């Protein structure tokens, strides 16, 4: 079976879909990089400020009860 893209009537539609998907892929990669470089450090900092000190207190209490 010989597939010749010049004879497929949907060629233009497939090209449009390809370029749309390519654009969406590039946007997703950009978003991923942005989240990893900005979002992740921000979330880690928020975690330390809001939850981290409570975990440290819990650890100290656990150590005290084991030692006691």
C-alpha atoms as a PDB file:
ATOM      1  CA  UNK A   1       0.000   0.000   0.000  1.00  0.00           C
ATOM      2  CA  UNK A   2       1.488   3.271  -1.120  1.00  0.00           C
ATOM      3  CA  UNK A   3       0.757   6.219   1.178  1.00  0.00           C
ATOM      4  CA  UNK A   4       1.273   9.475  -0.619  1.00  0.00           C
ATOM      5  CA  UNK A   5       0.351  12.478   1.510  1.00  0.00           C
ATOM      6  CA  UNK A   6      -0.303  14.634  -1.532  1.00  0.00           C
ATOM      7  CA  UNK A   7      -3.320  12.459  -2.368  1.00  0.00           C
ATOM      8  CA  UNK A   8      -4.923  12.607   1.058  1.00  0.00           C
ATOM      9  CA  UNK A   9      -7.709  15.199   1.146  1.00  0.00           C
ATOM     10  CA  UNK A  10      -7.290  15.625   4.918  1.00  0.00           C
ATOM     11  CA  UNK A  11      -3.657  16.713   4.551  1.00  0.00           C
ATOM     12  CA  UNK A  12      -4.368  20.339   5.464  1.00  0.00           C
ATOM     13  CA  UNK A  13      -6.495  19.320   8.423  1.00  0.00           C
ATOM     14  CA  UNK A  14      -3.739  17.026   9.672  1.00  0.00           C
ATOM     15  CA  UNK A  15      -1.165  19.792   9.272  1.00  0.00           C
ATOM     16  CA  UNK A  16      -3.363  22.175  11.263  1.00  0.00           C
ATOM     17  CA  UNK A  17      -3.783  19.616  14.029  1.00  0.00           C
ATOM     18  CA  UNK A  18      -0.037  18.979  14.036  1.00  0.00           C
ATOM     19  CA  UNK A  19       0.811  22.657  14.453  1.00  0.00           C
ATOM     20  CA  UNK A  20      -1.879  23.063  17.138  1.00  0.00           C
ATOM     21  CA  UNK A  21      -0.526  20.106  19.101  1.00  0.00           C
ATOM     22  CA  UNK A  22       3.035  21.306  18.615  1.00  0.00           C
ATOM     23  CA  UNK A  23       2.103  24.710  20.043  1.00  0.00           C
ATOM     24  CA  UNK A  24       0.310  23.150  23.001  1.00  0.00           C
ATOM     25  CA  UNK A  25       3.308  20.892  23.660  1.00  0.00           C
ATOM     26  CA  UNK A  26       5.707  23.852  23.707  1.00  0.00           C
ATOM     27  CA  UNK A  27       3.370  25.725  26.073  1.00  0.00           C
ATOM     28  CA  UNK A  28       3.197  22.732  28.422  1.00  0.00           C
ATOM     29  CA  UNK A  29       6.982  22.408  28.448  1.00  0.00           C
ATOM     30  CA  UNK A  30       7.300  26.108  29.233  1.00  0.00           C
ATOM     31  CA  UNK A  31       4.733  25.811  32.036  1.00  0.00           C
ATOM     32  CA  UNK A  32       6.561  22.788  33.456  1.00  0.00           C
ATOM     33  CA  UNK A  33       9.892  24.626  33.473  1.00  0.00           C
ATOM     34  CA  UNK A  34       8.278  27.650  35.085  1.00  0.00           C
ATOM     35  CA  UNK A  35       6.707  25.544  37.833  1.00  0.00           C
ATOM     36  CA  UNK A  36       9.940  23.709  38.526  1.00  0.00           C
ATOM     37  CA  UNK A  37      12.045  26.870  38.652  1.00  0.00           C
ATOM     38  CA  UNK A  38       9.610  29.190  40.430  1.00  0.00           C
ATOM     39  CA  UNK A  39       6.668  27.252  41.814  1.00  0.00           C
ATOM     40  CA  UNK A  40       8.577  24.452  43.495  1.00  0.00           C
ATOM     41  CA  UNK A  41      10.879  26.727  45.545  1.00  0.00           C
ATOM     42  CA  UNK A  42       7.892  28.881  46.529  1.00  0.00           C
ATOM     43  CA  UNK A  43       5.941  25.838  47.706  1.00  0.00           C
ATOM     44  CA  UNK A  44       8.932  24.514  49.615  1.00  0.00           C
ATOM     45  CA  UNK A  45       9.359  27.855  51.363  1.00  0.00           C
ATOM     46  CA  UNK A  46       5.673  27.985  52.272  1.00  0.00           C
ATOM     47  CA  UNK A  47       5.902  24.448  53.621  1.00  0.00           C
ATOM     48  CA  UNK A  48       8.831  25.338  55.861  1.00  0.00           C
ATOM     49  CA  UNK A  49       7.115  28.464  57.157  1.00  0.00           C
ATOM     50  CA  UNK A  50       3.665  26.961  57.728  1.00  0.00           C
ATOM     51  CA  UNK A  51       4.269  23.278  58.510  1.00  0.00           C
ATOM     52  CA  UNK A  52       7.971  22.630  58.962  1.00  0.00           C
ATOM     53  CA  UNK A  53       8.257  24.062  62.472  1.00  0.00           C
ATOM     54  CA  UNK A  54       5.359  21.868  63.614  1.00  0.00           C
ATOM     55  CA  UNK A  55       7.147  18.790  62.305  1.00  0.00           C
ATOM     56  CA  UNK A  56      10.282  19.849  64.176  1.00  0.00           C
ATOM     57  CA  UNK A  57       8.259  20.165  67.388  1.00  0.00           C
ATOM     58  CA  UNK A  58       6.759  16.720  66.780  1.00  0.00           C
ATOM     59  CA  UNK A  59      10.210  15.243  66.273  1.00  0.00           C
ATOM     60  CA  UNK A  60      11.450  16.827  69.504  1.00  0.00           C
ATOM     61  CA  UNK A  61       8.480  15.410  71.416  1.00  0.00           C
ATOM     62  CA  UNK A  62       9.042  11.956  69.914  1.00  0.00           C
ATOM     63  CA  UNK A  63      12.708  12.051  70.925  1.00  0.00           C
ATOM     64  CA  UNK A  64      11.834  13.139  74.446  1.00  0.00           C
ATOM     65  CA  UNK A  65       9.308  10.334  74.895  1.00  0.00           C
ATOM     66  CA  UNK A  66      11.763   7.724  73.619  1.00  0.00           C
ATOM     67  CA  UNK A  67      14.503   8.984  75.917  1.00  0.00           C
ATOM     68  CA  UNK A  68      12.217   9.275  78.926  1.00  0.00           C
END
